[in-house]
Amino acid sequence: MIDTSTELWDPPPSRPSLAPAWIGASLSSAMILVLVAAGGVVAHAWNDERYRETGDACSRLDLSAVAARLGDPALRPQPSVNTGACVYIVENEDGFWRSYGTVQLEYGANAAVAWVGWRYKETEGSPRDVPNLGRAARLVSESSDVEGEAVCSVSLEVLDSNLRFSTGLGANADMPSRPCDDVEALGDALIESTRASLVRLAESP
């Protein structure tokens, strides 16, 4: 027999704890702040305009390492007939060039524009990535024979902020400094000159 005189105990629903909700709200707010901050950093990086086009860019280039490797400490770059380009030449006693170098400077409106140009530009040869130089850099080195004359060449492309810096250097193997005996060292000299040049170009007003 069931005793119905005693009411069954039915406790009222307990109030949910505010701790989980508070923790969830705090985590959500923190995540939003992180995303906003990250977005700001990315936007700043893409809008970076570290380099400005100037009329004296060629005189700002630092060719010290290249000049030492080619045995011509007086080597100086001069403006080329091409817009935004510089050239430098090492001649022999007869006035014929034994080494020829070029630098091409391409300025983007910002880092994003420069990156697009870099991303879709193909590099001939077998480029290797160069670490710790700009945002990205690739070097191509080769030795060849042109009409019976041994020559070598190195070319370097660098992306840094809103600047695409392209430089190349060709040399005859019979130069007194014998640059083609160690093409890797010639490439290293081009890298070091480029690194120093970027510092000077970034300091331009």
C-alpha atoms as a PDB file:
ATOM      1  CA  MET A   1       0.000   0.000   0.000  1.00  0.00           C
ATOM      2  CA  ILE A   2       1.368   3.432  -1.000  1.00  0.00           C
ATOM      3  CA  ASP A   3       1.256   6.182   1.582  1.00  0.00           C
ATOM      4  CA  THR A   4       0.096   9.332  -0.206  1.00  0.00           C
ATOM      5  CA  SER A   5      -0.155  11.454   2.905  1.00  0.00           C
ATOM      6  CA  THR A   6       3.500  12.458   2.693  1.00  0.00           C
ATOM      7  CA  GLU A   7       4.449  14.744  -0.158  1.00  0.00           C
ATOM      8  CA  LEU A   8       7.356  13.658  -2.341  1.00  0.00           C
ATOM      9  CA  TRP A   9      10.458  15.835  -1.964  1.00  0.00           C
ATOM     10  CA  ASP A  10      11.076  17.736  -5.167  1.00  0.00           C
ATOM     11  CA  PRO A  11      13.990  20.214  -4.715  1.00  0.00           C
ATOM     12  CA  PRO A  12      13.720  23.451  -6.699  1.00  0.00           C
ATOM     13  CA  PRO A  13      16.083  23.789  -9.659  1.00  0.00           C
ATOM     14  CA  SER A  14      19.399  25.229  -8.596  1.00  0.00           C
ATOM     15  CA  ARG A  15      20.636  28.476 -10.090  1.00  0.00           C
ATOM     16  CA  PRO A  16      23.353  27.785 -12.672  1.00  0.00           C
ATOM     17  CA  SER A  17      26.855  28.891 -11.767  1.00  0.00           C
ATOM     18  CA  LEU A  18      28.053  32.085 -13.442  1.00  0.00           C
ATOM     19  CA  ALA A  19      31.679  30.855 -13.542  1.00  0.00           C
ATOM     20  CA  PRO A  20      31.500  28.896 -16.840  1.00  0.00           C
ATOM     21  CA  ALA A  21      29.690  31.727 -18.577  1.00  0.00           C
ATOM     22  CA  TRP A  22      32.186  34.281 -17.262  1.00  0.00           C
ATOM     23  CA  ILE A  23      35.131  32.147 -18.382  1.00  0.00           C
ATOM     24  CA  GLY A  24      33.586  31.676 -21.820  1.00  0.00           C
ATOM     25  CA  ALA A  25      32.950  35.387 -22.240  1.00  0.00           C
ATOM     26  CA  SER A  26      36.482  36.215 -21.122  1.00  0.00           C
ATOM     27  CA  LEU A  27      38.010  33.729 -23.566  1.00  0.00           C
ATOM     28  CA  SER A  28      35.881  35.085 -26.394  1.00  0.00           C
ATOM     29  CA  SER A  29      36.921  38.662 -25.632  1.00  0.00           C
ATOM     30  CA  ALA A  30      40.576  37.652 -25.423  1.00  0.00           C
ATOM     31  CA  MET A  31      40.336  35.825 -28.740  1.00  0.00           C
ATOM     32  CA  ILE A  32      38.771  38.866 -30.395  1.00  0.00           C
ATOM     33  CA  LEU A  33      41.548  41.108 -29.054  1.00  0.00           C
ATOM     34  CA  VAL A  34      44.195  38.693 -30.335  1.00  0.00           C
ATOM     35  CA  LEU A  35      42.608  38.557 -33.778  1.00  0.00           C
ATOM     36  CA  VAL A  36      42.274  42.327 -33.939  1.00  0.00           C
ATOM     37  CA  ALA A  37      45.887  42.789 -32.874  1.00  0.00           C
ATOM     38  CA  ALA A  38      47.089  40.191 -35.367  1.00  0.00           C
ATOM     39  CA  GLY A  39      45.046  41.831 -38.089  1.00  0.00           C
ATOM     40  CA  GLY A  40      46.608  45.162 -37.247  1.00  0.00           C
ATOM     41  CA  VAL A  41      50.122  43.708 -37.446  1.00  0.00           C
ATOM     42  CA  VAL A  42      49.386  42.068 -40.801  1.00  0.00           C
ATOM     43  CA  ALA A  43      47.797  45.253 -42.162  1.00  0.00           C
ATOM     44  CA  HIS A  44      50.817  47.277 -41.045  1.00  0.00           C
ATOM     45  CA  ALA A  45      53.193  44.799 -42.679  1.00  0.00           C
ATOM     46  CA  TRP A  46      51.295  44.833 -45.967  1.00  0.00           C
ATOM     47  CA  ASN A  47      51.087  48.624 -45.938  1.00  0.00           C
ATOM     48  CA  ASP A  48      54.773  49.022 -45.174  1.00  0.00           C
ATOM     49  CA  GLU A  49      56.467  51.560 -47.447  1.00  0.00           C
ATOM     50  CA  ARG A  50      60.029  51.422 -46.172  1.00  0.00           C
ATOM     51  CA  TYR A  51      61.646  52.506 -49.424  1.00  0.00           C
ATOM     52  CA  ARG A  52      61.066  55.690 -51.352  1.00  0.00           C
ATOM     53  CA  GLU A  53      62.124  56.342 -54.916  1.00  0.00           C
ATOM     54  CA  THR A  54      64.860  58.961 -55.111  1.00  0.00           C
ATOM     55  CA  GLY A  55      66.984  60.361 -57.903  1.00  0.00           C
ATOM     56  CA  ASP A  56      70.249  59.419 -56.188  1.00  0.00           C
ATOM     57  CA  ALA A  57      69.549  55.707 -55.647  1.00  0.00           C
ATOM     58  CA  CYS A  58      72.599  54.619 -57.685  1.00  0.00           C
ATOM     59  CA  SER A  59      74.964  56.655 -55.521  1.00  0.00           C
ATOM     60  CA  ARG A  60      73.465  55.050 -52.414  1.00  0.00           C
ATOM     61  CA  LEU A  61      74.391  51.524 -53.493  1.00  0.00           C
ATOM     62  CA  ASP A  62      77.218  49.871 -51.579  1.00  0.00           C
ATOM     63  CA  LEU A  63      79.440  47.797 -53.883  1.00  0.00           C
ATOM     64  CA  SER A  64      82.285  47.293 -51.414  1.00  0.00           C
ATOM     65  CA  ALA A  65      82.087  43.499 -51.311  1.00  0.00           C
ATOM     66  CA  VAL A  66      81.700  43.173 -55.092  1.00  0.00           C
ATOM     67  CA  ALA A  67      84.518  45.649 -55.743  1.00  0.00           C
ATOM     68  CA  ALA A  68      86.845  43.702 -53.454  1.00  0.00           C
ATOM     69  CA  ARG A  69      86.031  40.414 -55.211  1.00  0.00           C
ATOM     70  CA  LEU A  70      86.571  41.935 -58.669  1.00  0.00           C
ATOM     71  CA  GLY A  71      89.764  43.702 -57.626  1.00  0.00           C
ATOM     72  CA  ASP A  72      88.501  47.202 -58.421  1.00  0.00           C
ATOM     73  CA  PRO A  73      88.092  49.237 -55.213  1.00  0.00           C
ATOM     74  CA  ALA A  74      87.094  52.331 -57.205  1.00  0.00           C
ATOM     75  CA  LEU A  75      84.029  50.598 -58.640  1.00  0.00           C
ATOM     76  CA  ARG A  76      81.053  52.974 -58.675  1.00  0.00           C
ATOM     77  CA  PRO A  77      77.504  52.438 -59.999  1.00  0.00           C
ATOM     78  CA  GLN A  78      76.100  54.924 -62.493  1.00  0.00           C
ATOM     79  CA  PRO A  79      72.519  55.564 -63.645  1.00  0.00           C
ATOM     80  CA  SER A  80      71.528  53.444 -66.631  1.00  0.00           C
ATOM     81  CA  VAL A  81      69.537  54.513 -69.674  1.00  0.00           C
ATOM     82  CA  ASN A  82      66.794  52.266 -68.273  1.00  0.00           C
ATOM     83  CA  THR A  83      64.468  53.795 -65.709  1.00  0.00           C
ATOM     84  CA  GLY A  84      65.269  52.817 -62.141  1.00  0.00           C
ATOM     85  CA  ALA A  85      68.457  51.006 -63.121  1.00  0.00           C
ATOM     86  CA  CYS A  86      72.169  51.357 -62.352  1.00  0.00           C
ATOM     87  CA  VAL A  87      75.237  49.851 -64.017  1.00  0.00           C
ATOM     88  CA  TYR A  88      78.912  49.401 -63.187  1.00  0.00           C
ATOM     89  CA  ILE A  89      81.757  48.182 -65.392  1.00  0.00           C
ATOM     90  CA  VAL A  90      85.280  46.877 -64.878  1.00  0.00           C
ATOM     91  CA  GLU A  91      87.405  47.523 -67.965  1.00  0.00           C
ATOM     92  CA  ASN A  92      90.818  46.239 -69.018  1.00  0.00           C
ATOM     93  CA  GLU A  93      93.696  48.387 -70.240  1.00  0.00           C
ATOM     94  CA  ASP A  94      92.245  48.416 -73.747  1.00  0.00           C
ATOM     95  CA  GLY A  95      88.917  49.820 -72.580  1.00  0.00           C
ATOM     96  CA  PHE A  96      86.982  46.576 -73.057  1.00  0.00           C
ATOM     97  CA  TRP A  97      84.770  45.454 -70.200  1.00  0.00           C
ATOM     98  CA  ARG A  98      85.857  42.441 -68.187  1.00  0.00           C
ATOM     99  CA  SER A  99      82.957  42.598 -65.808  1.00  0.00           C
ATOM    100  CA  TYR A 100      79.506  44.154 -66.065  1.00  0.00           C
ATOM    101  CA  GLY A 101      76.976  44.631 -63.287  1.00  0.00           C
ATOM    102  CA  THR A 102      73.415  45.913 -63.177  1.00  0.00           C
ATOM    103  CA  VAL A 103      70.901  46.862 -60.495  1.00  0.00           C
ATOM    104  CA  GLN A 104      67.174  47.312 -61.075  1.00  0.00           C
ATOM    105  CA  LEU A 105      64.984  48.984 -58.465  1.00  0.00           C
ATOM    106  CA  GLU A 106      61.216  48.515 -58.657  1.00  0.00           C
ATOM    107  CA  TYR A 107      59.125  50.317 -56.039  1.00  0.00           C
ATOM    108  CA  GLY A 108      55.602  49.192 -55.195  1.00  0.00           C
ATOM    109  CA  ALA A 109      52.953  51.420 -53.643  1.00  0.00           C
ATOM    110  CA  ASN A 110      53.234  49.184 -50.573  1.00  0.00           C
ATOM    111  CA  ALA A 111      54.481  45.761 -49.512  1.00  0.00           C
ATOM    112  CA  ALA A 112      51.380  43.997 -50.865  1.00  0.00           C
ATOM    113  CA  VAL A 113      51.850  45.397 -54.377  1.00  0.00           C
ATOM    114  CA  ALA A 114      55.552  44.488 -54.360  1.00  0.00           C
ATOM    115  CA  TRP A 115      54.736  40.955 -53.207  1.00  0.00           C
ATOM    116  CA  VAL A 116      52.286  40.415 -56.062  1.00  0.00           C
ATOM    117  CA  GLY A 117      54.969  41.416 -58.571  1.00  0.00           C
ATOM    118  CA  TRP A 118      57.440  39.079 -56.865  1.00  0.00           C
ATOM    119  CA  ARG A 119      54.998  36.179 -56.623  1.00  0.00           C
ATOM    120  CA  TYR A 120      54.221  36.086 -60.322  1.00  0.00           C
ATOM    121  CA  LYS A 121      57.690  36.776 -61.715  1.00  0.00           C
ATOM    122  CA  GLU A 122      59.489  33.684 -62.927  1.00  0.00           C
ATOM    123  CA  THR A 123      63.217  33.264 -62.337  1.00  0.00           C
ATOM    124  CA  GLU A 124      65.280  31.545 -65.012  1.00  0.00           C
ATOM    125  CA  GLY A 125      67.906  28.965 -64.127  1.00  0.00           C
ATOM    126  CA  SER A 126      68.027  27.084 -60.835  1.00  0.00           C
ATOM    127  CA  PRO A 127      67.523  29.658 -58.089  1.00  0.00           C
ATOM    128  CA  ARG A 128      68.347  28.939 -54.467  1.00  0.00           C
ATOM    129  CA  ASP A 129      66.763  30.768 -51.574  1.00  0.00           C
ATOM    130  CA  VAL A 130      68.988  33.169 -49.643  1.00  0.00           C
ATOM    131  CA  PRO A 131      68.088  33.291 -45.921  1.00  0.00           C
ATOM    132  CA  ASN A 132      68.089  36.448 -43.820  1.00  0.00           C
ATOM    133  CA  LEU A 133      68.019  38.830 -46.765  1.00  0.00           C
ATOM    134  CA  GLY A 134      64.932  41.024 -47.065  1.00  0.00           C
ATOM    135  CA  ARG A 135      61.591  39.282 -46.899  1.00  0.00           C
ATOM    136  CA  ALA A 136      62.625  36.797 -49.584  1.00  0.00           C
ATOM    137  CA  ALA A 137      65.631  36.391 -51.858  1.00  0.00           C
ATOM    138  CA  ARG A 138      66.848  33.978 -54.533  1.00  0.00           C
ATOM    139  CA  LEU A 139      70.250  33.610 -56.189  1.00  0.00           C
ATOM    140  CA  VAL A 140      71.255  32.036 -59.502  1.00  0.00           C
ATOM    141  CA  SER A 141      74.915  31.241 -60.307  1.00  0.00           C
ATOM    142  CA  GLU A 142      76.365  29.740 -63.464  1.00  0.00           C
ATOM    143  CA  SER A 143      79.531  29.336 -65.500  1.00  0.00           C
ATOM    144  CA  SER A 144      79.548  29.072 -69.270  1.00  0.00           C
ATOM    145  CA  ASP A 145      81.584  29.464 -72.432  1.00  0.00           C
ATOM    146  CA  VAL A 146      80.790  32.271 -74.859  1.00  0.00           C
ATOM    147  CA  GLU A 147      82.541  32.013 -78.225  1.00  0.00           C
ATOM    148  CA  GLY A 148      85.453  30.203 -76.672  1.00  0.00           C
ATOM    149  CA  GLU A 149      85.761  32.583 -73.732  1.00  0.00           C
ATOM    150  CA  ALA A 150      85.024  31.350 -70.211  1.00  0.00           C
ATOM    151  CA  VAL A 151      82.620  33.567 -68.276  1.00  0.00           C
ATOM    152  CA  CYS A 152      80.537  33.344 -65.144  1.00  0.00           C
ATOM    153  CA  SER A 153      77.509  35.162 -63.830  1.00  0.00           C
ATOM    154  CA  VAL A 154      75.445  35.555 -60.695  1.00  0.00           C
ATOM    155  CA  SER A 155      72.052  37.184 -60.312  1.00  0.00           C
ATOM    156  CA  LEU A 156      70.097  38.007 -57.190  1.00  0.00           C
ATOM    157  CA  GLU A 157      66.486  39.013 -56.668  1.00  0.00           C
ATOM    158  CA  VAL A 158      65.290  40.394 -53.349  1.00  0.00           C
ATOM    159  CA  LEU A 159      61.869  41.369 -52.046  1.00  0.00           C
ATOM    160  CA  ASP A 160      61.876  43.687 -49.042  1.00  0.00           C
ATOM    161  CA  SER A 161      58.892  45.750 -47.963  1.00  0.00           C
ATOM    162  CA  ASN A 162      57.718  47.683 -51.049  1.00  0.00           C
ATOM    163  CA  LEU A 163      60.969  47.199 -53.016  1.00  0.00           C
ATOM    164  CA  ARG A 164      61.973  44.561 -55.538  1.00  0.00           C
ATOM    165  CA  PHE A 165      65.758  44.703 -55.888  1.00  0.00           C
ATOM    166  CA  SER A 166      67.242  42.798 -58.842  1.00  0.00           C
ATOM    167  CA  THR A 167      70.974  42.717 -59.483  1.00  0.00           C
ATOM    168  CA  GLY A 168      73.222  40.752 -61.802  1.00  0.00           C
ATOM    169  CA  LEU A 169      76.943  40.469 -62.410  1.00  0.00           C
ATOM    170  CA  GLY A 170      78.878  38.874 -65.262  1.00  0.00           C
ATOM    171  CA  ALA A 171      82.650  38.472 -65.447  1.00  0.00           C
ATOM    172  CA  ASN A 172      85.353  37.040 -67.672  1.00  0.00           C
ATOM    173  CA  ALA A 173      87.250  34.161 -66.140  1.00  0.00           C
ATOM    174  CA  ASP A 174      90.654  35.587 -67.117  1.00  0.00           C
ATOM    175  CA  MET A 175      90.370  38.729 -64.991  1.00  0.00           C
ATOM    176  CA  PRO A 176      93.375  39.186 -62.660  1.00  0.00           C
ATOM    177  CA  SER A 177      91.082  38.660 -59.653  1.00  0.00           C
ATOM    178  CA  ARG A 178      89.885  35.326 -61.144  1.00  0.00           C
ATOM    179  CA  PRO A 179      86.242  35.744 -59.999  1.00  0.00           C
ATOM    180  CA  CYS A 180      85.055  32.679 -61.898  1.00  0.00           C
ATOM    181  CA  ASP A 181      87.395  30.358 -60.010  1.00  0.00           C
ATOM    182  CA  ASP A 182      84.919  30.506 -57.130  1.00  0.00           C
ATOM    183  CA  VAL A 183      81.447  31.424 -58.375  1.00  0.00           C
ATOM    184  CA  GLU A 184      79.984  30.789 -54.922  1.00  0.00           C
ATOM    185  CA  ALA A 185      82.267  33.449 -53.451  1.00  0.00           C
ATOM    186  CA  LEU A 186      81.217  35.826 -56.217  1.00  0.00           C
ATOM    187  CA  GLY A 187      77.583  35.200 -55.296  1.00  0.00           C
ATOM    188  CA  ASP A 188      78.369  35.800 -51.625  1.00  0.00           C
ATOM    189  CA  ALA A 189      79.959  39.145 -52.536  1.00  0.00           C
ATOM    190  CA  LEU A 190      76.826  40.130 -54.448  1.00  0.00           C
ATOM    191  CA  ILE A 191      74.680  39.150 -51.458  1.00  0.00           C
ATOM    192  CA  GLU A 192      76.760  41.211 -49.032  1.00  0.00           C
ATOM    193  CA  SER A 193      76.743  44.254 -51.309  1.00  0.00           C
ATOM    194  CA  THR A 194      72.983  43.939 -51.682  1.00  0.00           C
ATOM    195  CA  ARG A 195      72.495  43.643 -47.929  1.00  0.00           C
ATOM    196  CA  ALA A 196      74.523  46.826 -47.352  1.00  0.00           C
ATOM    197  CA  SER A 197      72.734  48.613 -50.207  1.00  0.00           C
ATOM    198  CA  LEU A 198      69.286  47.855 -48.773  1.00  0.00           C
ATOM    199  CA  VAL A 199      70.280  49.427 -45.461  1.00  0.00           C
ATOM    200  CA  ARG A 200      71.412  52.577 -47.214  1.00  0.00           C
ATOM    201  CA  LEU A 201      68.354  52.727 -49.457  1.00  0.00           C
ATOM    202  CA  ALA A 202      66.005  52.355 -46.483  1.00  0.00           C
ATOM    203  CA  GLU A 203      67.671  55.348 -44.860  1.00  0.00           C
ATOM    204  CA  SER A 204      66.884  57.611 -47.823  1.00  0.00           C
ATOM    205  CA  PRO A 205      64.680  60.614 -46.925  1.00  0.00           C
END
